Amino acid sequence: DTGARTVFVEKIRFHGTVTRKVWFEYPYKGIVRDLDGSLTGASRTLPGGETEQGGWITPFYEHLNVSACNLQKDMFDGLVCDSSITLRRCIFWNGQPTHTFKQLDMKFIRLPSAFPEDNETQLTEAELEDQTRYGNIGAQAGDNPLGGWSFPLMVGHTYQMHFNYGVDFTEIDFDRSNLWKEDEYAVLKFNHTEKREKMQIVKNNVELDSFVEKFEMIKKTDDHSSYFVDLENNSTHMLISGKLNANVGRDYMIRGHHCWGDHC
């Protein structure tokens, strides 16, 4: 399995001599949801003053390193987060051309704004080139699905994603877990190294309609698979959501065309 599966725990007890409660093994992408705080001891104060117990544990990736989380490598082998955040699984697979994407890393950087407004804050070129800001997700040789990149994402954030060495896909499949709730969403932004004349998201070889404006996509719909293509800046913004587009379902294909039209 390519990993990033979620395990739910509660009412956990440990002997006082225990020095490590969690140990992640390959592919180092697991998600642990502590429902009552008995595993992590995590809690947070709600706006009304009540205390909510519980939290999350996941291996450390820089794009997940937010203020609600702290690295506890010795005891939990990764990040421990309170319940103000939510982690969900996503997966890409079947990147084409196959020989180009075999065993390549996928790289993520968290952008400053969770849901960008019209005056979206941009990272500087120096910040985008700073490799310490990126989380690197390796491809798995195993199945379910074969050769895929599974990864945890934090709900409510925008991430820029690209492959190592700046290679571009002509086709790639995408899916998200069925744990995403209807009010949960995240945005993925793809930058294309080479100019693309056409980007598509398709299901059963039928192209889905893209939005004219990125902010229209974000503000007026929360359907999973909604997308906006910014040809001027050579990028695509895709909305991941727990609310299924009735015409799509969860899994679909993203296609990039270097040339589109009668002139090709």
C-alpha atoms as a PDB file:
ATOM      1  CA  ASP A   1       0.000   0.000   0.000  1.00  0.00           C
ATOM      2  CA  THR A   2       1.206   3.533  -0.729  1.00  0.00           C
ATOM      3  CA  GLY A   3       0.348   4.760   2.763  1.00  0.00           C
ATOM      4  CA  ALA A   4      -1.187   7.913   4.305  1.00  0.00           C
ATOM      5  CA  ARG A   5      -4.019   5.810   5.760  1.00  0.00           C
ATOM      6  CA  THR A   6      -5.783   7.059   8.902  1.00  0.00           C
ATOM      7  CA  VAL A   7      -5.879   5.096  12.157  1.00  0.00           C
ATOM      8  CA  PHE A   8      -8.323   6.159  14.887  1.00  0.00           C
ATOM      9  CA  VAL A   9      -7.454   5.508  18.543  1.00  0.00           C
ATOM     10  CA  GLU A  10      -8.985   6.223  21.955  1.00  0.00           C
ATOM     11  CA  LYS A  11      -8.768   5.029  25.571  1.00  0.00           C
ATOM     12  CA  ILE A  12      -5.075   4.216  25.190  1.00  0.00           C
ATOM     13  CA  ARG A  13      -2.972   3.365  28.276  1.00  0.00           C
ATOM     14  CA  PHE A  14       0.790   3.073  28.566  1.00  0.00           C
ATOM     15  CA  HIS A  15       3.086   1.834  31.275  1.00  0.00           C
ATOM     16  CA  GLY A  16       5.137   4.592  32.858  1.00  0.00           C
ATOM     17  CA  THR A  17       8.380   3.121  31.503  1.00  0.00           C
ATOM     18  CA  VAL A  18       7.360   3.571  27.849  1.00  0.00           C
ATOM     19  CA  THR A  19       9.745   5.926  26.046  1.00  0.00           C
ATOM     20  CA  ARG A  20       8.217   5.780  22.555  1.00  0.00           C
ATOM     21  CA  LYS A  21       4.489   5.540  21.854  1.00  0.00           C
ATOM     22  CA  VAL A  22       4.448   5.757  18.043  1.00  0.00           C
ATOM     23  CA  TRP A  23       6.902   4.522  15.436  1.00  0.00           C
ATOM     24  CA  PHE A  24       6.264   5.104  11.734  1.00  0.00           C
ATOM     25  CA  GLU A  25       7.709   2.713   9.176  1.00  0.00           C
ATOM     26  CA  TYR A  26       7.974   2.851   5.383  1.00  0.00           C
ATOM     27  CA  PRO A  27       6.464   4.711   3.577  1.00  0.00           C
ATOM     28  CA  TYR A  28       6.384   7.196   6.537  1.00  0.00           C
ATOM     29  CA  LYS A  29       3.056   8.775   5.689  1.00  0.00           C
ATOM     30  CA  GLY A  30       0.619   7.469   8.290  1.00  0.00           C
ATOM     31  CA  ILE A  31      -2.084   9.573   9.941  1.00  0.00           C
ATOM     32  CA  VAL A  32      -3.106   8.842  13.538  1.00  0.00           C
ATOM     33  CA  ARG A  33      -6.271  10.483  14.904  1.00  0.00           C
ATOM     34  CA  ASP A  34      -6.293  10.550  18.722  1.00  0.00           C
ATOM     35  CA  LEU A  35      -9.987  10.940  19.536  1.00  0.00           C
ATOM     36  CA  ASP A  36      -9.734  11.649  23.266  1.00  0.00           C
ATOM     37  CA  GLY A  37      -6.162  12.753  23.979  1.00  0.00           C
ATOM     38  CA  SER A  38      -5.234   9.476  25.674  1.00  0.00           C
ATOM     39  CA  LEU A  39      -2.385   8.892  23.205  1.00  0.00           C
ATOM     40  CA  THR A  40      -0.961  12.380  22.653  1.00  0.00           C
ATOM     41  CA  GLY A  41      -2.183  14.335  25.665  1.00  0.00           C
ATOM     42  CA  ALA A  42      -3.134  17.041  23.138  1.00  0.00           C
ATOM     43  CA  SER A  43      -5.931  19.488  23.899  1.00  0.00           C
ATOM     44  CA  ARG A  44      -7.092  22.973  22.995  1.00  0.00           C
ATOM     45  CA  THR A  45      -9.345  25.642  24.444  1.00  0.00           C
ATOM     46  CA  LEU A  46     -12.498  26.334  22.440  1.00  0.00           C
ATOM     47  CA  PRO A  47     -13.909  29.876  21.998  1.00  0.00           C
ATOM     48  CA  GLY A  48     -16.451  29.268  24.772  1.00  0.00           C
ATOM     49  CA  GLY A  49     -13.732  28.294  27.231  1.00  0.00           C
ATOM     50  CA  GLU A  50     -14.308  24.539  27.111  1.00  0.00           C
ATOM     51  CA  THR A  51     -11.379  22.170  26.643  1.00  0.00           C
ATOM     52  CA  GLU A  52     -11.376  19.769  23.714  1.00  0.00           C
ATOM     53  CA  GLN A  53      -9.156  16.715  24.076  1.00  0.00           C
ATOM     54  CA  GLY A  54      -7.563  14.896  21.195  1.00  0.00           C
ATOM     55  CA  GLY A  55      -5.266  15.525  18.256  1.00  0.00           C
ATOM     56  CA  TRP A  56      -3.274  14.103  15.366  1.00  0.00           C
ATOM     57  CA  ILE A  57       0.102  12.471  14.733  1.00  0.00           C
ATOM     58  CA  THR A  58       1.874  12.228  11.388  1.00  0.00           C
ATOM     59  CA  PRO A  59       5.492  12.000  10.185  1.00  0.00           C
ATOM     60  CA  PHE A  60       7.225  15.358   9.850  1.00  0.00           C
ATOM     61  CA  TYR A  61       6.871  17.146   6.525  1.00  0.00           C
ATOM     62  CA  GLU A  62       7.650  20.837   6.319  1.00  0.00           C
ATOM     63  CA  HIS A  63       4.441  21.720   4.468  1.00  0.00           C
ATOM     64  CA  LEU A  64       2.460  20.346   7.456  1.00  0.00           C
ATOM     65  CA  ASN A  65       4.516  22.192  10.072  1.00  0.00           C
ATOM     66  CA  VAL A  66       2.028  24.801  11.369  1.00  0.00           C
ATOM     67  CA  SER A  67       1.637  26.502  14.755  1.00  0.00           C
ATOM     68  CA  ALA A  68      -0.946  23.945  15.946  1.00  0.00           C
ATOM     69  CA  CYS A  69       1.696  21.205  15.627  1.00  0.00           C
ATOM     70  CA  ASN A  70       5.023  20.518  17.282  1.00  0.00           C
ATOM     71  CA  LEU A  71       7.724  18.006  16.479  1.00  0.00           C
ATOM     72  CA  GLN A  72       7.999  15.250  19.101  1.00  0.00           C
ATOM     73  CA  LYS A  73      10.409  12.889  17.391  1.00  0.00           C
ATOM     74  CA  ASP A  74      11.468  10.793  20.387  1.00  0.00           C
ATOM     75  CA  MET A  75       8.021   9.914  21.745  1.00  0.00           C
ATOM     76  CA  PHE A  76       5.800  10.097  18.652  1.00  0.00           C
ATOM     77  CA  ASP A  77       8.216   9.922  15.692  1.00  0.00           C
ATOM     78  CA  GLY A  78       6.729  13.004  14.064  1.00  0.00           C
ATOM     79  CA  LEU A  79       4.379  15.956  14.399  1.00  0.00           C
ATOM     80  CA  VAL A  80       1.782  16.103  17.184  1.00  0.00           C
ATOM     81  CA  CYS A  81      -1.078  18.513  16.416  1.00  0.00           C
ATOM     82  CA  ASP A  82      -4.120  19.608  18.372  1.00  0.00           C
ATOM     83  CA  SER A  83      -7.671  19.145  17.103  1.00  0.00           C
ATOM     84  CA  SER A  84      -7.839  22.580  15.453  1.00  0.00           C
ATOM     85  CA  ILE A  85      -6.348  21.016  12.320  1.00  0.00           C
ATOM     86  CA  THR A  86      -7.521  18.091  10.184  1.00  0.00           C
ATOM     87  CA  LEU A  87      -5.331  15.769   8.126  1.00  0.00           C
ATOM     88  CA  ARG A  88      -6.696  13.920   5.100  1.00  0.00           C
ATOM     89  CA  ARG A  89      -5.228  11.546   2.509  1.00  0.00           C
ATOM     90  CA  CYS A  90      -4.777  12.359  -1.181  1.00  0.00           C
ATOM     91  CA  ILE A  91      -3.050  10.389  -3.911  1.00  0.00           C
ATOM     92  CA  PHE A  92      -1.659  10.826  -7.424  1.00  0.00           C
ATOM     93  CA  TRP A  93      -0.724   7.880  -9.627  1.00  0.00           C
ATOM     94  CA  ASN A  94      -0.117   6.828 -13.213  1.00  0.00           C
ATOM     95  CA  GLY A  95       1.983   9.865 -14.119  1.00  0.00           C
ATOM     96  CA  GLN A  96       2.694   9.990 -17.854  1.00  0.00           C
ATOM     97  CA  PRO A  97       5.091   9.541 -19.550  1.00  0.00           C
ATOM     98  CA  THR A  98       5.789   6.570 -17.273  1.00  0.00           C
ATOM     99  CA  HIS A  99       9.580   6.464 -17.700  1.00  0.00           C
ATOM    100  CA  THR A 100       9.858  10.135 -16.693  1.00  0.00           C
ATOM    101  CA  PHE A 101       7.969   9.824 -13.412  1.00  0.00           C
ATOM    102  CA  LYS A 102       9.328   6.527 -12.126  1.00  0.00           C
ATOM    103  CA  GLN A 103      10.465   7.060  -8.501  1.00  0.00           C
ATOM    104  CA  LEU A 104      10.413  10.866  -8.709  1.00  0.00           C
ATOM    105  CA  ASP A 105       9.732  12.908  -5.578  1.00  0.00           C
ATOM    106  CA  MET A 106       6.682  15.147  -5.381  1.00  0.00           C
ATOM    107  CA  LYS A 107       7.393  18.468  -3.625  1.00  0.00           C
ATOM    108  CA  PHE A 108       4.903  20.596  -1.649  1.00  0.00           C
ATOM    109  CA  ILE A 109       5.137  24.097  -0.230  1.00  0.00           C
ATOM    110  CA  ARG A 110       2.382  25.703   1.819  1.00  0.00           C
ATOM    111  CA  LEU A 111       1.296  29.090   0.489  1.00  0.00           C
ATOM    112  CA  PRO A 112       0.547  31.915   2.953  1.00  0.00           C
ATOM    113  CA  SER A 113      -3.212  32.161   2.457  1.00  0.00           C
ATOM    114  CA  ALA A 114      -5.582  29.307   3.173  1.00  0.00           C
ATOM    115  CA  PHE A 115      -8.270  30.440   0.746  1.00  0.00           C
ATOM    116  CA  PRO A 116      -6.787  33.279  -1.317  1.00  0.00           C
ATOM    117  CA  GLU A 117      -8.682  36.533  -1.557  1.00  0.00           C
ATOM    118  CA  ASP A 118      -8.256  38.885  -4.506  1.00  0.00           C
ATOM    119  CA  ASN A 119      -5.105  40.313  -2.899  1.00  0.00           C
ATOM    120  CA  GLU A 120      -3.524  36.879  -2.434  1.00  0.00           C
ATOM    121  CA  THR A 121      -0.181  37.062  -0.675  1.00  0.00           C
ATOM    122  CA  GLN A 122       2.590  35.587  -2.786  1.00  0.00           C
ATOM    123  CA  LEU A 123       5.811  34.009  -1.628  1.00  0.00           C
ATOM    124  CA  THR A 124       8.942  35.716  -2.895  1.00  0.00           C
ATOM    125  CA  GLU A 125      11.183  34.020  -5.457  1.00  0.00           C
ATOM    126  CA  ALA A 126      13.753  33.461  -2.720  1.00  0.00           C
ATOM    127  CA  GLU A 127      11.134  31.775  -0.510  1.00  0.00           C
ATOM    128  CA  LEU A 128       9.950  29.554  -3.366  1.00  0.00           C
ATOM    129  CA  GLU A 129      13.545  28.536  -4.094  1.00  0.00           C
ATOM    130  CA  ASP A 130      14.250  27.735  -0.423  1.00  0.00           C
ATOM    131  CA  GLN A 131      14.206  23.917  -0.404  1.00  0.00           C
ATOM    132  CA  THR A 132      13.866  23.790   3.404  1.00  0.00           C
ATOM    133  CA  ARG A 133      10.283  25.045   3.005  1.00  0.00           C
ATOM    134  CA  TYR A 134       9.241  21.984   0.987  1.00  0.00           C
ATOM    135  CA  GLY A 135       7.895  18.607   2.001  1.00  0.00           C
ATOM    136  CA  ASN A 136       9.210  15.824  -0.260  1.00  0.00           C
ATOM    137  CA  ILE A 137       6.829  12.934  -0.970  1.00  0.00           C
ATOM    138  CA  GLY A 138       8.464   9.886  -2.538  1.00  0.00           C
ATOM    139  CA  ALA A 139       6.735   7.513  -4.958  1.00  0.00           C
ATOM    140  CA  GLN A 140       6.021   3.974  -3.788  1.00  0.00           C
ATOM    141  CA  ALA A 141       6.788   0.872  -5.793  1.00  0.00           C
ATOM    142  CA  GLY A 142       3.881  -1.026  -4.185  1.00  0.00           C
ATOM    143  CA  ASP A 143       0.318  -1.300  -5.384  1.00  0.00           C
ATOM    144  CA  ASN A 144      -3.036   0.212  -4.364  1.00  0.00           C
ATOM    145  CA  PRO A 145      -2.451   1.994  -6.652  1.00  0.00           C
ATOM    146  CA  LEU A 146       0.718   0.980  -8.472  1.00  0.00           C
ATOM    147  CA  GLY A 147       3.513   3.542  -8.317  1.00  0.00           C
ATOM    148  CA  GLY A 148       1.480   6.248  -6.621  1.00  0.00           C
ATOM    149  CA  TRP A 149       2.271   9.292  -4.494  1.00  0.00           C
ATOM    150  CA  SER A 150       0.015   9.272  -1.433  1.00  0.00           C
ATOM    151  CA  PHE A 151       0.330  12.099   1.070  1.00  0.00           C
ATOM    152  CA  PRO A 152      -1.407  13.833   3.995  1.00  0.00           C
ATOM    153  CA  LEU A 153      -2.813  17.311   3.405  1.00  0.00           C
ATOM    154  CA  MET A 154      -4.021  19.743   6.025  1.00  0.00           C
ATOM    155  CA  VAL A 155      -7.596  20.901   5.401  1.00  0.00           C
ATOM    156  CA  GLY A 156      -8.100  24.616   4.709  1.00  0.00           C
ATOM    157  CA  HIS A 157      -4.677  25.334   3.206  1.00  0.00           C
ATOM    158  CA  THR A 158      -3.342  26.075  -0.266  1.00  0.00           C
ATOM    159  CA  TYR A 159      -0.308  24.137  -1.500  1.00  0.00           C
ATOM    160  CA  GLN A 160       1.901  24.563  -4.526  1.00  0.00           C
ATOM    161  CA  MET A 161       3.027  21.207  -5.906  1.00  0.00           C
ATOM    162  CA  HIS A 162       5.610  20.157  -8.476  1.00  0.00           C
ATOM    163  CA  PHE A 163       7.753  17.146  -9.293  1.00  0.00           C
ATOM    164  CA  ASN A 164      11.469  16.944  -8.696  1.00  0.00           C
ATOM    165  CA  TYR A 165      13.637  18.349 -11.520  1.00  0.00           C
ATOM    166  CA  GLY A 166      10.671  20.397 -12.768  1.00  0.00           C
ATOM    167  CA  VAL A 167       9.285  17.697 -15.068  1.00  0.00           C
ATOM    168  CA  ASP A 168       5.722  18.061 -16.322  1.00  0.00           C
ATOM    169  CA  PHE A 169       3.060  15.385 -16.719  1.00  0.00           C
ATOM    170  CA  THR A 170       0.949  14.868 -19.807  1.00  0.00           C
ATOM    171  CA  GLU A 171      -1.536  12.837 -17.754  1.00  0.00           C
ATOM    172  CA  ILE A 172      -1.892  11.921 -14.099  1.00  0.00           C
ATOM    173  CA  ASP A 173      -4.688  10.371 -12.027  1.00  0.00           C
ATOM    174  CA  PHE A 174      -5.876  11.826  -8.734  1.00  0.00           C
ATOM    175  CA  ASP A 175      -8.110  10.710  -5.857  1.00  0.00           C
ATOM    176  CA  ARG A 176      -8.788  11.559  -2.234  1.00  0.00           C
ATOM    177  CA  SER A 177      -9.937   9.402   0.666  1.00  0.00           C
ATOM    178  CA  ASN A 178     -13.584   8.983   1.540  1.00  0.00           C
ATOM    179  CA  LEU A 179     -12.920  10.524   4.986  1.00  0.00           C
ATOM    180  CA  TRP A 180     -13.102  14.064   3.620  1.00  0.00           C
ATOM    181  CA  LYS A 181     -16.263  15.766   4.946  1.00  0.00           C
ATOM    182  CA  GLU A 182     -18.464  18.075   2.895  1.00  0.00           C
ATOM    183  CA  ASP A 183     -17.214  21.206   4.663  1.00  0.00           C
ATOM    184  CA  GLU A 184     -13.523  20.275   4.258  1.00  0.00           C
ATOM    185  CA  TYR A 185     -11.401  21.579   1.398  1.00  0.00           C
ATOM    186  CA  ALA A 186      -7.880  22.413   0.258  1.00  0.00           C
ATOM    187  CA  VAL A 187      -6.400  23.911  -2.900  1.00  0.00           C
ATOM    188  CA  LEU A 188      -3.534  22.505  -4.983  1.00  0.00           C
ATOM    189  CA  LYS A 189      -1.656  24.798  -7.337  1.00  0.00           C
ATOM    190  CA  PHE A 190       0.402  23.255 -10.167  1.00  0.00           C
ATOM    191  CA  ASN A 191       3.127  25.269 -11.843  1.00  0.00           C
ATOM    192  CA  HIS A 192       4.108  24.007 -15.292  1.00  0.00           C
ATOM    193  CA  THR A 193       7.762  24.238 -16.308  1.00  0.00           C
ATOM    194  CA  GLU A 194       6.877  24.079 -19.996  1.00  0.00           C
ATOM    195  CA  LYS A 195       4.139  26.206 -21.522  1.00  0.00           C
ATOM    196  CA  ARG A 196       0.763  24.453 -21.751  1.00  0.00           C
ATOM    197  CA  GLU A 197      -1.880  25.584 -24.204  1.00  0.00           C
ATOM    198  CA  LYS A 198      -4.588  23.488 -22.565  1.00  0.00           C
ATOM    199  CA  MET A 199      -5.215  21.876 -19.173  1.00  0.00           C
ATOM    200  CA  GLN A 200      -8.126  19.504 -18.600  1.00  0.00           C
ATOM    201  CA  ILE A 201      -9.686  17.510 -15.806  1.00  0.00           C
ATOM    202  CA  VAL A 202     -11.573  14.587 -17.279  1.00  0.00           C
ATOM    203  CA  LYS A 203     -13.752  11.727 -16.088  1.00  0.00           C
ATOM    204  CA  ASN A 204     -14.557   8.827 -18.406  1.00  0.00           C
ATOM    205  CA  ASN A 205     -12.954  10.879 -21.225  1.00  0.00           C
ATOM    206  CA  VAL A 206     -15.437  13.727 -20.658  1.00  0.00           C
ATOM    207  CA  GLU A 207     -13.870  17.127 -19.954  1.00  0.00           C
ATOM    208  CA  LEU A 208     -15.146  19.001 -16.906  1.00  0.00           C
ATOM    209  CA  ASP A 209     -15.853  22.709 -17.214  1.00  0.00           C
ATOM    210  CA  SER A 210     -13.219  24.986 -15.713  1.00  0.00           C
ATOM    211  CA  PHE A 211     -13.972  28.313 -14.064  1.00  0.00           C
ATOM    212  CA  VAL A 212     -13.161  31.626 -15.716  1.00  0.00           C
ATOM    213  CA  GLU A 213     -11.768  33.130 -12.508  1.00  0.00           C
ATOM    214  CA  LYS A 214      -9.824  31.409  -9.738  1.00  0.00           C
ATOM    215  CA  PHE A 215     -11.754  33.282  -7.051  1.00  0.00           C
ATOM    216  CA  GLU A 216     -15.058  32.296  -8.619  1.00  0.00           C
ATOM    217  CA  MET A 217     -14.000  28.653  -8.296  1.00  0.00           C
ATOM    218  CA  ILE A 218     -13.022  29.121  -4.678  1.00  0.00           C
ATOM    219  CA  LYS A 219     -15.879  31.301  -3.468  1.00  0.00           C
ATOM    220  CA  LYS A 220     -18.854  30.011  -5.431  1.00  0.00           C
ATOM    221  CA  THR A 221     -18.362  26.272  -5.290  1.00  0.00           C
ATOM    222  CA  ASP A 222     -16.868  23.689  -3.010  1.00  0.00           C
ATOM    223  CA  ASP A 223     -17.297  20.751  -5.381  1.00  0.00           C
ATOM    224  CA  HIS A 224     -14.389  18.327  -5.421  1.00  0.00           C
ATOM    225  CA  SER A 225     -12.461  18.655  -8.718  1.00  0.00           C
ATOM    226  CA  SER A 226     -13.419  22.257  -9.488  1.00  0.00           C
ATOM    227  CA  TYR A 227     -10.480  23.954 -11.196  1.00  0.00           C
ATOM    228  CA  PHE A 228      -9.161  27.138 -12.765  1.00  0.00           C
ATOM    229  CA  VAL A 229      -6.453  27.331 -15.446  1.00  0.00           C
ATOM    230  CA  ASP A 230      -4.221  30.408 -15.353  1.00  0.00           C
ATOM    231  CA  LEU A 231      -2.590  30.296 -18.796  1.00  0.00           C
ATOM    232  CA  GLU A 232      -0.928  33.679 -18.332  1.00  0.00           C
ATOM    233  CA  ASN A 233       1.020  32.441 -15.302  1.00  0.00           C
ATOM    234  CA  ASN A 234       1.282  28.840 -16.547  1.00  0.00           C
ATOM    235  CA  SER A 235      -0.481  27.291 -13.546  1.00  0.00           C
ATOM    236  CA  THR A 236      -3.621  25.365 -12.599  1.00  0.00           C
ATOM    237  CA  HIS A 237      -5.555  25.640  -9.320  1.00  0.00           C
ATOM    238  CA  MET A 238      -7.565  22.584  -8.255  1.00  0.00           C
ATOM    239  CA  LEU A 239     -10.046  22.390  -5.395  1.00  0.00           C
ATOM    240  CA  ILE A 240     -10.086  19.231  -3.256  1.00  0.00           C
ATOM    241  CA  SER A 241     -13.278  18.869  -1.281  1.00  0.00           C
ATOM    242  CA  GLY A 242     -15.443  16.416   0.585  1.00  0.00           C
ATOM    243  CA  LYS A 243     -18.386  17.593  -1.481  1.00  0.00           C
ATOM    244  CA  LEU A 244     -18.555  15.442  -4.587  1.00  0.00           C
ATOM    245  CA  ASN A 245     -19.269  16.928  -7.965  1.00  0.00           C
ATOM    246  CA  ALA A 246     -22.201  14.817  -9.144  1.00  0.00           C
ATOM    247  CA  ASN A 247     -20.606  14.542 -12.579  1.00  0.00           C
ATOM    248  CA  VAL A 248     -17.233  13.378 -11.302  1.00  0.00           C
ATOM    249  CA  GLY A 249     -17.019  11.255  -8.200  1.00  0.00           C
ATOM    250  CA  ARG A 250     -13.720  11.091  -6.339  1.00  0.00           C
ATOM    251  CA  ASP A 251     -11.142   9.973  -8.880  1.00  0.00           C
ATOM    252  CA  TYR A 252     -10.344  11.586 -12.207  1.00  0.00           C
ATOM    253  CA  MET A 253      -7.515  12.381 -14.632  1.00  0.00           C
ATOM    254  CA  ILE A 254      -5.608  15.630 -15.141  1.00  0.00           C
ATOM    255  CA  ARG A 255      -4.234  16.246 -18.636  1.00  0.00           C
ATOM    256  CA  GLY A 256      -1.756  18.830 -19.877  1.00  0.00           C
ATOM    257  CA  HIS A 257      -1.378  19.652 -23.576  1.00  0.00           C
ATOM    258  CA  HIS A 258       1.659  21.419 -25.004  1.00  0.00           C
ATOM    259  CA  CYS A 259      -0.341  22.197 -28.105  1.00  0.00           C
ATOM    260  CA  TRP A 260      -4.102  22.457 -28.585  1.00  0.00           C
ATOM    261  CA  GLY A 261      -6.035  23.283 -31.727  1.00  0.00           C
ATOM    262  CA  ASP A 262      -5.787  23.116 -35.502  1.00  0.00           C
ATOM    263  CA  HIS A 263      -2.271  24.601 -35.537  1.00  0.00           C
ATOM    264  CA  CYS A 264      -0.788  21.555 -33.757  1.00  0.00           C
END
